[in-house]
């Protein structure tokens, strides 16, 4: 049975990289970039023919998703790391065929593989999403040489549970208990 264990203490930089990846890999982030670059292109091409108010508006729109939003994401990551104790402290992860065990300061949580909705790989990290906005962040540099093992486990388990519906298992258990009760009555 494969297993990977490591400790993660997220930094503001790692949280910022995750936020940037999450924001700009979504359709809304890509659309924002298209709007920003389009505004800057229109401003550059039509500069001679536009009044000063329009030029300023196009520049502001152009900087909105290319400068302002990344700055805001960095600021938010920095504040989140300072204020959120669960991010600030070390999280211990154990990935196995049963699921993902997370422990911190004597508290434990367990996530089953069918609860993982998707995996995203970045250059230096892996993100496991439990919901559209909640993810585990595994920076390669903090996995203590276990990143490749963790990635293999995640790939295997996500393949195994890609079509899994937990309700099916509940229905099977109910049917087994009903058929077992029928046998006892005979």
N, C-alpha and C. Protein backbone atom coordinates (compact mmCIF):
# COMPACT_ATOMS: atom_id res chain seq x y z
N UNK A 1 0.84 -1.18 0.00
CA UNK A 1 0.00 0.00 0.00
C UNK A 1 0.89 1.25 0.00
N UNK A 2 0.67 2.11 -1.00
CA UNK A 2 1.45 3.35 -1.09
C UNK A 2 0.94 4.36 -0.09
N UNK A 3 1.89 5.14 0.44
CA UNK A 3 1.57 6.19 1.39
C UNK A 3 2.56 7.32 1.23
N UNK A 4 2.11 8.54 1.48
CA UNK A 4 2.99 9.70 1.49
C UNK A 4 2.60 10.55 2.69
N UNK A 5 3.61 10.99 3.43
CA UNK A 5 3.38 11.86 4.59
C UNK A 5 4.32 13.04 4.51
N UNK A 6 3.77 14.22 4.81
CA UNK A 6 4.60 15.43 4.82
C UNK A 6 3.89 16.52 5.59
N UNK A 7 4.66 17.54 5.96
CA UNK A 7 4.14 18.69 6.68
C UNK A 7 4.18 19.91 5.76
N UNK A 8 3.11 20.71 5.82
CA UNK A 8 2.99 21.90 4.98
C UNK A 8 2.73 23.10 5.88
N UNK A 9 3.50 24.14 5.68
CA UNK A 9 3.25 25.44 6.31
C UNK A 9 3.23 26.45 5.17
N UNK A 10 2.03 26.86 4.80
CA UNK A 10 1.87 27.75 3.65
C UNK A 10 2.43 29.13 3.93
N UNK A 11 3.12 29.66 2.93
CA UNK A 11 3.60 31.04 3.00
C UNK A 11 2.66 31.91 2.19
N UNK A 12 2.79 33.22 2.36
CA UNK A 12 1.97 34.15 1.59
C UNK A 12 2.26 33.99 0.10
N UNK A 13 3.51 33.73 -0.26
CA UNK A 13 3.88 33.57 -1.67
C UNK A 13 3.20 32.34 -2.28
N UNK A 14 3.17 31.22 -1.54
CA UNK A 14 2.53 30.01 -2.05
C UNK A 14 1.01 30.18 -2.17
N UNK A 15 0.42 30.87 -1.21
CA UNK A 15 -1.00 31.14 -1.27
C UNK A 15 -1.32 32.10 -2.42
N UNK A 16 -0.44 33.05 -2.66
CA UNK A 16 -0.60 33.99 -3.77
C UNK A 16 -0.52 33.26 -5.12
N UNK A 17 0.45 32.38 -5.26
CA UNK A 17 0.58 31.61 -6.51
C UNK A 17 -0.67 30.78 -6.74
N UNK A 18 -1.19 30.15 -5.68
CA UNK A 18 -2.44 29.40 -5.80
C UNK A 18 -3.58 30.31 -6.24
N UNK A 19 -3.71 31.46 -5.60
CA UNK A 19 -4.79 32.40 -5.94
C UNK A 19 -4.70 32.86 -7.39
N UNK A 20 -3.49 33.16 -7.84
CA UNK A 20 -3.29 33.58 -9.23
C UNK A 20 -3.67 32.44 -10.18
N UNK A 21 -3.21 31.24 -9.87
CA UNK A 21 -3.51 30.08 -10.72
C UNK A 21 -5.01 29.82 -10.75
N UNK A 22 -5.64 29.87 -9.57
CA UNK A 22 -7.07 29.63 -9.47
C UNK A 22 -7.86 30.70 -10.23
N UNK A 23 -7.48 31.95 -10.07
CA UNK A 23 -8.21 33.05 -10.70
C UNK A 23 -8.03 33.07 -12.21
N UNK A 24 -6.80 32.96 -12.66
CA UNK A 24 -6.53 33.14 -14.09
C UNK A 24 -6.62 31.86 -14.91
N UNK A 25 -6.94 30.74 -14.29
CA UNK A 25 -7.21 29.53 -15.08
C UNK A 25 -8.71 29.33 -15.27
N UNK A 26 -9.51 30.18 -14.62
CA UNK A 26 -10.96 30.12 -14.77
C UNK A 26 -11.39 31.00 -15.95
N UNK A 27 -12.56 30.75 -16.46
CA UNK A 27 -13.08 31.51 -17.61
C UNK A 27 -13.17 32.99 -17.27
N UNK A 28 -13.61 33.32 -16.06
CA UNK A 28 -13.74 34.73 -15.68
C UNK A 28 -12.38 35.43 -15.65
N UNK A 29 -11.34 34.74 -15.21
CA UNK A 29 -10.00 35.32 -15.20
C UNK A 29 -9.47 35.55 -16.60
N UNK A 30 -9.71 34.59 -17.49
CA UNK A 30 -9.28 34.72 -18.88
C UNK A 30 -10.05 35.86 -19.55
N UNK A 31 -11.35 35.93 -19.28
CA UNK A 31 -12.16 37.02 -19.85
C UNK A 31 -11.66 38.37 -19.35
N UNK A 32 -11.31 38.46 -18.08
CA UNK A 32 -10.76 39.71 -17.54
C UNK A 32 -9.48 40.12 -18.23
N UNK A 33 -8.61 39.15 -18.50
CA UNK A 33 -7.37 39.46 -19.22
C UNK A 33 -7.65 39.93 -20.64
N UNK A 34 -8.59 39.29 -21.31
CA UNK A 34 -8.96 39.69 -22.67
C UNK A 34 -9.49 41.13 -22.66
N UNK A 35 -10.34 41.45 -21.70
CA UNK A 35 -10.88 42.81 -21.59
C UNK A 35 -9.75 43.81 -21.33
N UNK A 36 -8.84 43.46 -20.40
CA UNK A 36 -7.74 44.37 -20.09
C UNK A 36 -6.83 44.60 -21.30
N UNK A 37 -6.40 43.51 -21.91
CA UNK A 37 -5.51 43.66 -23.07
C UNK A 37 -6.22 44.34 -24.24
N UNK A 38 -7.50 44.04 -24.41
CA UNK A 38 -8.28 44.69 -25.46
C UNK A 38 -8.37 46.20 -25.23
N UNK A 39 -8.61 46.59 -23.99
CA UNK A 39 -8.68 48.02 -23.65
C UNK A 39 -7.35 48.71 -23.92
N UNK A 40 -6.26 48.07 -23.52
CA UNK A 40 -4.93 48.66 -23.76
C UNK A 40 -4.62 48.73 -25.25
N UNK A 41 -5.03 47.71 -26.00
CA UNK A 41 -4.80 47.71 -27.45
C UNK A 41 -5.59 48.82 -28.14
N UNK A 42 -6.86 48.95 -27.75
CA UNK A 42 -7.68 50.02 -28.33
C UNK A 42 -7.08 51.37 -28.00
N UNK A 43 -6.62 51.54 -26.77
CA UNK A 43 -6.02 52.80 -26.34
C UNK A 43 -4.76 53.09 -27.17
N UNK A 44 -3.93 52.09 -27.40
CA UNK A 44 -2.70 52.29 -28.16
C UNK A 44 -2.99 52.56 -29.64
N UNK A 45 -3.92 51.83 -30.23
CA UNK A 45 -4.21 51.96 -31.66
C UNK A 45 -4.97 53.25 -31.96
N UNK A 46 -5.91 53.58 -31.12
CA UNK A 46 -6.80 54.73 -31.38
C UNK A 46 -6.43 55.97 -30.57
N UNK A 47 -5.23 56.01 -30.03
CA UNK A 47 -4.80 57.08 -29.13
C UNK A 47 -5.05 58.48 -29.70
N UNK A 48 -4.72 58.71 -30.95
CA UNK A 48 -4.85 60.02 -31.59
C UNK A 48 -6.31 60.48 -31.68
N UNK A 49 -7.22 59.55 -31.78
CA UNK A 49 -8.63 59.87 -32.04
C UNK A 49 -9.50 59.90 -30.78
N UNK A 50 -8.94 59.56 -29.64
CA UNK A 50 -9.73 59.48 -28.40
C UNK A 50 -9.51 60.70 -27.52
N UNK A 51 -10.55 61.09 -26.78
CA UNK A 51 -10.38 62.20 -25.84
C UNK A 51 -9.71 61.67 -24.57
N UNK A 52 -9.26 62.57 -23.74
CA UNK A 52 -8.47 62.21 -22.55
C UNK A 52 -9.26 61.35 -21.57
N UNK A 53 -10.55 61.60 -21.40
CA UNK A 53 -11.37 60.81 -20.49
C UNK A 53 -11.45 59.36 -20.95
N UNK A 54 -11.64 59.16 -22.23
CA UNK A 54 -11.72 57.80 -22.78
C UNK A 54 -10.37 57.09 -22.64
N UNK A 55 -9.30 57.81 -22.88
CA UNK A 55 -7.96 57.22 -22.74
C UNK A 55 -7.74 56.77 -21.29
N UNK A 56 -8.09 57.64 -20.34
CA UNK A 56 -7.93 57.28 -18.92
C UNK A 56 -8.79 56.08 -18.56
N UNK A 57 -10.03 56.04 -19.04
CA UNK A 57 -10.92 54.92 -18.76
C UNK A 57 -10.35 53.62 -19.32
N UNK A 58 -9.84 53.66 -20.54
CA UNK A 58 -9.26 52.46 -21.16
C UNK A 58 -8.01 52.00 -20.41
N UNK A 59 -7.20 52.94 -19.96
CA UNK A 59 -5.99 52.58 -19.20
C UNK A 59 -6.38 51.94 -17.87
N UNK A 60 -7.37 52.52 -17.19
CA UNK A 60 -7.82 51.96 -15.91
C UNK A 60 -8.37 50.55 -16.11
N UNK A 61 -9.20 50.37 -17.13
CA UNK A 61 -9.74 49.03 -17.42
C UNK A 61 -8.60 48.08 -17.78
N UNK A 62 -7.62 48.57 -18.54
CA UNK A 62 -6.47 47.75 -18.92
C UNK A 62 -5.64 47.30 -17.74
N UNK A 63 -5.53 48.15 -16.73
CA UNK A 63 -4.72 47.82 -15.56
C UNK A 63 -5.50 47.00 -14.51
N UNK A 64 -6.81 46.99 -14.64
CA UNK A 64 -7.65 46.34 -13.64
C UNK A 64 -7.31 44.86 -13.44
N UNK A 65 -7.22 44.08 -14.50
CA UNK A 65 -6.98 42.64 -14.38
C UNK A 65 -5.51 42.26 -14.55
N UNK A 66 -4.68 43.22 -14.97
CA UNK A 66 -3.27 42.92 -15.18
C UNK A 66 -2.37 43.42 -14.05
N UNK A 67 -2.82 44.42 -13.31
CA UNK A 67 -2.02 44.98 -12.23
C UNK A 67 -2.81 45.01 -10.91
N UNK A 68 -4.00 45.59 -10.94
CA UNK A 68 -4.77 45.79 -9.72
C UNK A 68 -5.18 44.45 -9.09
N UNK A 69 -5.78 43.56 -9.87
CA UNK A 69 -6.24 42.29 -9.31
C UNK A 69 -5.07 41.44 -8.78
N UNK A 70 -3.96 41.28 -9.51
CA UNK A 70 -2.84 40.53 -8.93
C UNK A 70 -2.32 41.15 -7.63
N UNK A 71 -2.27 42.48 -7.56
CA UNK A 71 -1.86 43.14 -6.33
C UNK A 71 -2.84 42.83 -5.20
N UNK A 72 -4.13 42.89 -5.49
CA UNK A 72 -5.14 42.59 -4.47
C UNK A 72 -5.05 41.13 -4.01
N UNK A 73 -4.79 40.22 -4.93
CA UNK A 73 -4.64 38.81 -4.56
C UNK A 73 -3.42 38.61 -3.65
N UNK A 74 -2.34 39.31 -3.94
CA UNK A 74 -1.15 39.21 -3.09
C UNK A 74 -1.45 39.76 -1.70
N UNK A 75 -2.09 40.91 -1.63
CA UNK A 75 -2.43 41.52 -0.35
C UNK A 75 -3.35 40.60 0.45
N UNK A 76 -4.34 40.02 -0.22
CA UNK A 76 -5.28 39.11 0.45
C UNK A 76 -4.55 37.88 0.99
N UNK A 77 -3.62 37.32 0.21
CA UNK A 77 -2.85 36.15 0.66
C UNK A 77 -2.00 36.50 1.87
N UNK A 78 -1.39 37.65 1.84
CA UNK A 78 -0.54 38.09 2.96
C UNK A 78 -1.37 38.25 4.23
N UNK A 79 -2.52 38.89 4.12
CA UNK A 79 -3.42 39.09 5.27
C UNK A 79 -3.95 37.75 5.77
N UNK A 80 -4.32 36.86 4.85
CA UNK A 80 -4.88 35.56 5.22
C UNK A 80 -3.86 34.74 6.00
N UNK A 81 -2.61 34.76 5.59
CA UNK A 81 -1.58 34.00 6.30
C UNK A 81 -1.35 34.59 7.69
N UNK A 82 -1.43 35.90 7.82
CA UNK A 82 -1.24 36.53 9.13
C UNK A 82 -2.40 36.26 10.08
N UNK A 83 -3.62 36.31 9.58
CA UNK A 83 -4.80 36.22 10.44
C UNK A 83 -5.32 34.81 10.68
N UNK A 84 -5.11 33.91 9.75
CA UNK A 84 -5.71 32.59 9.83
C UNK A 84 -4.74 31.61 10.48
N UNK A 85 -5.04 31.22 11.69
CA UNK A 85 -4.15 30.32 12.44
C UNK A 85 -4.00 28.95 11.79
N UNK A 86 -5.07 28.45 11.15
CA UNK A 86 -4.98 27.12 10.54
C UNK A 86 -4.02 27.13 9.35
N UNK A 87 -3.88 28.26 8.69
CA UNK A 87 -2.90 28.36 7.60
C UNK A 87 -1.53 28.61 8.18
N UNK A 88 -1.47 29.41 9.24
CA UNK A 88 -0.20 29.81 9.85
C UNK A 88 0.57 28.65 10.46
N UNK A 89 -0.15 27.66 11.00
CA UNK A 89 0.50 26.52 11.65
C UNK A 89 0.77 25.40 10.64
N UNK A 90 1.62 24.49 11.06
CA UNK A 90 1.98 23.35 10.21
C UNK A 90 0.80 22.38 10.12
N UNK A 91 0.49 21.96 8.90
CA UNK A 91 -0.52 20.93 8.65
C UNK A 91 0.20 19.65 8.27
N UNK A 92 -0.14 18.56 8.92
CA UNK A 92 0.46 17.25 8.60
C UNK A 92 -0.52 16.49 7.72
N UNK A 93 -0.05 16.05 6.56
CA UNK A 93 -0.88 15.30 5.62
C UNK A 93 -0.36 13.88 5.50
N UNK A 94 -1.31 12.94 5.43
CA UNK A 94 -0.97 11.54 5.12
C UNK A 94 -1.93 11.10 4.03
N UNK A 95 -1.36 10.81 2.86
CA UNK A 95 -2.15 10.34 1.73
C UNK A 95 -1.97 8.84 1.61
N UNK A 96 -3.10 8.13 1.57
CA UNK A 96 -3.06 6.68 1.43
C UNK A 96 -4.23 6.26 0.55
N UNK A 97 -4.39 4.97 0.35
CA UNK A 97 -5.50 4.47 -0.47
C UNK A 97 -6.85 4.73 0.19
N UNK A 98 -6.87 4.92 1.50
CA UNK A 98 -8.13 5.19 2.20
C UNK A 98 -8.59 6.63 2.00
N UNK A 99 -7.64 7.58 1.90
CA UNK A 99 -7.99 8.98 1.74
C UNK A 99 -6.87 9.89 2.20
N UNK A 100 -7.25 11.11 2.52
CA UNK A 100 -6.29 12.12 2.95
C UNK A 100 -6.57 12.43 4.41
N UNK A 101 -5.58 12.20 5.25
CA UNK A 101 -5.70 12.50 6.67
C UNK A 101 -4.93 13.79 6.93
N UNK A 102 -5.61 14.74 7.58
CA UNK A 102 -5.01 16.03 7.88
C UNK A 102 -5.02 16.19 9.39
N UNK A 103 -3.88 16.56 9.95
CA UNK A 103 -3.85 16.78 11.39
C UNK A 103 -3.07 18.06 11.69
N UNK A 104 -3.54 18.72 12.76
CA UNK A 104 -2.91 19.97 13.19
C UNK A 104 -3.28 20.20 14.65
N UNK A 105 -2.28 20.41 15.46
CA UNK A 105 -2.48 20.72 16.88
C UNK A 105 -3.42 19.73 17.58
N UNK A 106 -3.25 18.46 17.34
CA UNK A 106 -4.06 17.44 17.99
C UNK A 106 -5.44 17.20 17.39
N UNK A 107 -5.82 17.99 16.40
CA UNK A 107 -7.10 17.79 15.73
C UNK A 107 -6.85 17.06 14.41
N UNK A 108 -7.82 16.22 14.03
CA UNK A 108 -7.68 15.45 12.80
C UNK A 108 -8.94 15.57 11.95
N UNK A 109 -8.71 15.50 10.64
CA UNK A 109 -9.82 15.45 9.69
C UNK A 109 -9.45 14.41 8.64
N UNK A 110 -10.46 13.87 8.00
CA UNK A 110 -10.22 12.83 6.99
C UNK A 110 -11.10 13.11 5.78
N UNK A 111 -10.49 13.06 4.61
CA UNK A 111 -11.21 13.28 3.36
C UNK A 111 -11.10 12.01 2.53
N UNK A 112 -12.23 11.48 2.12
CA UNK A 112 -12.23 10.30 1.27
C UNK A 112 -11.96 10.72 -0.17
N UNK A 113 -11.42 9.81 -0.95
CA UNK A 113 -11.02 10.16 -2.31
C UNK A 113 -12.17 10.59 -3.19
N UNK A 114 -13.36 10.05 -2.97
CA UNK A 114 -14.49 10.46 -3.81
C UNK A 114 -14.93 11.89 -3.52
N UNK A 115 -14.44 12.47 -2.41
CA UNK A 115 -14.75 13.87 -2.10
C UNK A 115 -13.85 14.85 -2.85
N UNK A 116 -12.76 14.36 -3.42
CA UNK A 116 -11.86 15.22 -4.19
C UNK A 116 -12.47 15.41 -5.57
N UNK A 117 -12.78 16.65 -5.90
CA UNK A 117 -13.48 16.94 -7.15
C UNK A 117 -12.54 17.04 -8.35
N UNK A 118 -11.38 17.66 -8.13
CA UNK A 118 -10.43 17.75 -9.23
C UNK A 118 -9.03 18.04 -8.72
N UNK A 119 -8.08 17.76 -9.60
CA UNK A 119 -6.67 17.99 -9.30
C UNK A 119 -6.13 18.94 -10.36
N UNK A 120 -5.34 19.90 -9.91
CA UNK A 120 -4.65 20.79 -10.85
C UNK A 120 -3.17 20.76 -10.50
N UNK A 121 -2.37 20.67 -11.53
CA UNK A 121 -0.92 20.72 -11.34
C UNK A 121 -0.39 22.06 -11.82
N UNK A 122 0.42 22.67 -11.00
CA UNK A 122 1.14 23.88 -11.39
C UNK A 122 2.62 23.48 -11.48
N UNK A 123 3.44 24.41 -11.85
CA UNK A 123 4.86 24.10 -12.01
C UNK A 123 5.47 23.56 -10.71
N UNK A 124 5.13 24.16 -9.58
CA UNK A 124 5.75 23.79 -8.32
C UNK A 124 4.76 23.35 -7.24
N UNK A 125 3.56 22.94 -7.64
CA UNK A 125 2.57 22.56 -6.64
C UNK A 125 1.46 21.70 -7.26
N UNK A 126 0.71 21.07 -6.36
CA UNK A 126 -0.48 20.32 -6.75
C UNK A 126 -1.62 20.86 -5.89
N UNK A 127 -2.78 21.06 -6.54
CA UNK A 127 -3.95 21.56 -5.85
C UNK A 127 -5.05 20.51 -5.96
N UNK A 128 -5.61 20.11 -4.82
CA UNK A 128 -6.71 19.16 -4.79
C UNK A 128 -7.96 19.90 -4.31
N UNK A 129 -8.95 19.98 -5.19
CA UNK A 129 -10.17 20.73 -4.89
C UNK A 129 -11.25 19.82 -4.31
N UNK A 130 -11.81 20.24 -3.17
CA UNK A 130 -12.96 19.56 -2.58
C UNK A 130 -14.25 20.28 -2.99
N UNK A 131 -14.13 21.53 -3.38
CA UNK A 131 -15.25 22.34 -3.86
C UNK A 131 -14.67 23.34 -4.86
N UNK A 132 -15.49 24.11 -5.52
CA UNK A 132 -14.94 25.08 -6.48
C UNK A 132 -13.99 26.10 -5.85
N UNK A 133 -14.10 26.34 -4.55
CA UNK A 133 -13.26 27.35 -3.91
C UNK A 133 -12.39 26.82 -2.76
N UNK A 134 -12.49 25.55 -2.42
CA UNK A 134 -11.72 24.99 -1.31
C UNK A 134 -10.78 23.92 -1.84
N UNK A 135 -9.49 24.10 -1.54
CA UNK A 135 -8.51 23.17 -2.07
C UNK A 135 -7.38 22.95 -1.07
N UNK A 136 -6.75 21.78 -1.17
CA UNK A 136 -5.51 21.52 -0.46
C UNK A 136 -4.38 21.96 -1.37
N UNK A 137 -3.40 22.66 -0.80
CA UNK A 137 -2.26 23.14 -1.57
C UNK A 137 -1.05 22.35 -1.12
N UNK A 138 -0.43 21.64 -2.08
CA UNK A 138 0.76 20.85 -1.79
C UNK A 138 1.94 21.42 -2.58
N UNK A 139 2.69 22.37 -1.99
CA UNK A 139 3.88 22.89 -2.67
C UNK A 139 4.95 21.79 -2.77
N UNK A 140 5.51 21.65 -3.93
CA UNK A 140 6.52 20.61 -4.17
C UNK A 140 7.69 20.73 -3.19
N UNK A 141 8.09 21.96 -2.89
CA UNK A 141 9.24 22.19 -2.02
C UNK A 141 9.01 21.75 -0.58
N UNK A 142 7.73 21.58 -0.18
CA UNK A 142 7.44 21.22 1.21
C UNK A 142 7.03 19.76 1.38
N UNK A 143 7.04 19.01 0.32
CA UNK A 143 6.61 17.60 0.41
C UNK A 143 7.74 16.66 0.78
N UNK A 144 8.88 17.17 1.12
CA UNK A 144 9.98 16.34 1.61
C UNK A 144 10.35 15.19 0.70
N UNK A 145 10.42 15.43 -0.59
CA UNK A 145 10.79 14.38 -1.53
C UNK A 145 9.67 13.39 -1.81
N UNK A 146 8.49 13.61 -1.28
CA UNK A 146 7.37 12.69 -1.46
C UNK A 146 6.36 13.20 -2.49
N UNK A 147 6.70 14.27 -3.20
CA UNK A 147 5.75 14.86 -4.14
C UNK A 147 5.36 13.87 -5.24
N UNK A 148 6.33 13.18 -5.82
CA UNK A 148 6.03 12.22 -6.89
C UNK A 148 5.19 11.05 -6.38
N UNK A 149 5.47 10.58 -5.17
CA UNK A 149 4.67 9.51 -4.57
C UNK A 149 3.25 10.00 -4.33
N UNK A 150 3.13 11.22 -3.79
CA UNK A 150 1.80 11.79 -3.53
C UNK A 150 1.04 11.96 -4.84
N UNK A 151 1.70 12.42 -5.88
CA UNK A 151 1.07 12.60 -7.18
C UNK A 151 0.59 11.26 -7.74
N UNK A 152 1.40 10.21 -7.59
CA UNK A 152 1.01 8.88 -8.07
C UNK A 152 -0.22 8.37 -7.31
N UNK A 153 -0.23 8.57 -5.99
CA UNK A 153 -1.38 8.14 -5.18
C UNK A 153 -2.63 8.89 -5.62
N UNK A 154 -2.51 10.21 -5.77
CA UNK A 154 -3.65 11.03 -6.18
C UNK A 154 -4.17 10.59 -7.54
N UNK A 155 -3.27 10.38 -8.49
CA UNK A 155 -3.69 9.95 -9.83
C UNK A 155 -4.41 8.60 -9.78
N UNK A 156 -3.84 7.64 -9.05
CA UNK A 156 -4.45 6.31 -8.94
C UNK A 156 -5.83 6.38 -8.29
N UNK A 157 -5.91 7.10 -7.19
CA UNK A 157 -7.18 7.15 -6.45
C UNK A 157 -8.24 7.97 -7.19
N UNK A 158 -7.84 9.02 -7.87
CA UNK A 158 -8.82 9.81 -8.62
C UNK A 158 -9.33 9.01 -9.82
N UNK A 159 -8.46 8.22 -10.43
CA UNK A 159 -8.91 7.33 -11.51
C UNK A 159 -9.88 6.29 -10.97
N UNK A 160 -9.56 5.73 -9.82
CA UNK A 160 -10.39 4.70 -9.22
C UNK A 160 -11.78 5.23 -8.86
N UNK A 161 -11.85 6.47 -8.38
CA UNK A 161 -13.12 7.03 -7.90
C UNK A 161 -13.74 8.06 -8.84
N UNK A 162 -13.30 8.11 -10.09
CA UNK A 162 -13.81 9.16 -10.99
C UNK A 162 -15.31 9.03 -11.27
N UNK A 163 -15.84 7.83 -11.31
CA UNK A 163 -17.27 7.64 -11.56
C UNK A 163 -18.02 7.18 -10.32
N UNK A 164 -17.40 7.28 -9.18
CA UNK A 164 -17.96 6.77 -7.93
C UNK A 164 -19.03 7.72 -7.39
N UNK A 165 -20.13 7.15 -6.98
CA UNK A 165 -21.20 7.90 -6.33
C UNK A 165 -21.43 7.29 -4.96
N UNK A 166 -21.22 8.06 -3.87
CA UNK A 166 -21.37 7.48 -2.53
C UNK A 166 -22.79 6.96 -2.27
N UNK A 167 -23.80 7.52 -2.94
CA UNK A 167 -25.17 7.04 -2.74
C UNK A 167 -25.30 5.59 -3.17
N UNK A 168 -24.55 5.19 -4.21
CA UNK A 168 -24.60 3.81 -4.68
C UNK A 168 -24.18 2.84 -3.57
N UNK A 169 -23.12 3.21 -2.85
CA UNK A 169 -22.64 2.35 -1.77
C UNK A 169 -23.69 2.25 -0.66
N UNK A 170 -24.35 3.39 -0.34
CA UNK A 170 -25.40 3.37 0.67
C UNK A 170 -26.56 2.48 0.24
N UNK A 171 -26.94 2.55 -1.05
CA UNK A 171 -28.02 1.70 -1.57
C UNK A 171 -27.67 0.22 -1.49
N UNK A 172 -26.43 -0.10 -1.81
CA UNK A 172 -25.97 -1.50 -1.75
C UNK A 172 -26.03 -2.00 -0.31
N UNK A 173 -25.58 -1.17 0.64
CA UNK A 173 -25.61 -1.58 2.05
C UNK A 173 -27.05 -1.78 2.52
N UNK A 174 -27.95 -0.88 2.09
CA UNK A 174 -29.36 -1.03 2.46
C UNK A 174 -29.94 -2.32 1.90
N UNK A 175 -29.63 -2.64 0.62
CA UNK A 175 -30.14 -3.85 -0.01
C UNK A 175 -29.60 -5.09 0.71
N UNK A 176 -28.31 -5.04 1.08
CA UNK A 176 -27.72 -6.17 1.79
C UNK A 176 -28.39 -6.37 3.15
N UNK A 177 -28.67 -5.27 3.85
CA UNK A 177 -29.30 -5.41 5.17
C UNK A 177 -30.74 -5.89 5.04
N UNK A 178 -31.44 -5.46 3.99
CA UNK A 178 -32.80 -5.93 3.76
C UNK A 178 -32.80 -7.40 3.39
N UNK A 179 -31.89 -7.82 2.49
CA UNK A 179 -31.85 -9.23 2.10
C UNK A 179 -31.38 -10.09 3.27
N UNK A 180 -30.53 -9.56 4.14
CA UNK A 180 -30.11 -10.29 5.33
C UNK A 180 -31.26 -10.47 6.28
N UNK A 181 -32.11 -9.44 6.40
CA UNK A 181 -33.29 -9.53 7.27
C UNK A 181 -34.27 -10.56 6.71
N UNK A 182 -34.40 -10.61 5.37
CA UNK A 182 -35.29 -11.59 4.74
C UNK A 182 -34.83 -13.01 5.05
N UNK A 183 -33.52 -13.24 5.04
CA UNK A 183 -32.99 -14.57 5.31
C UNK A 183 -33.27 -14.99 6.74
N UNK A 184 -33.22 -14.04 7.68
CA UNK A 184 -33.45 -14.36 9.08
C UNK A 184 -34.90 -14.78 9.32
N UNK A 185 -35.82 -14.16 8.53
CA UNK A 185 -37.23 -14.48 8.70
C UNK A 185 -37.54 -15.87 8.17
N UNK A 186 -36.79 -16.37 7.19
CA UNK A 186 -37.04 -17.69 6.59
C UNK A 186 -36.74 -18.76 7.55
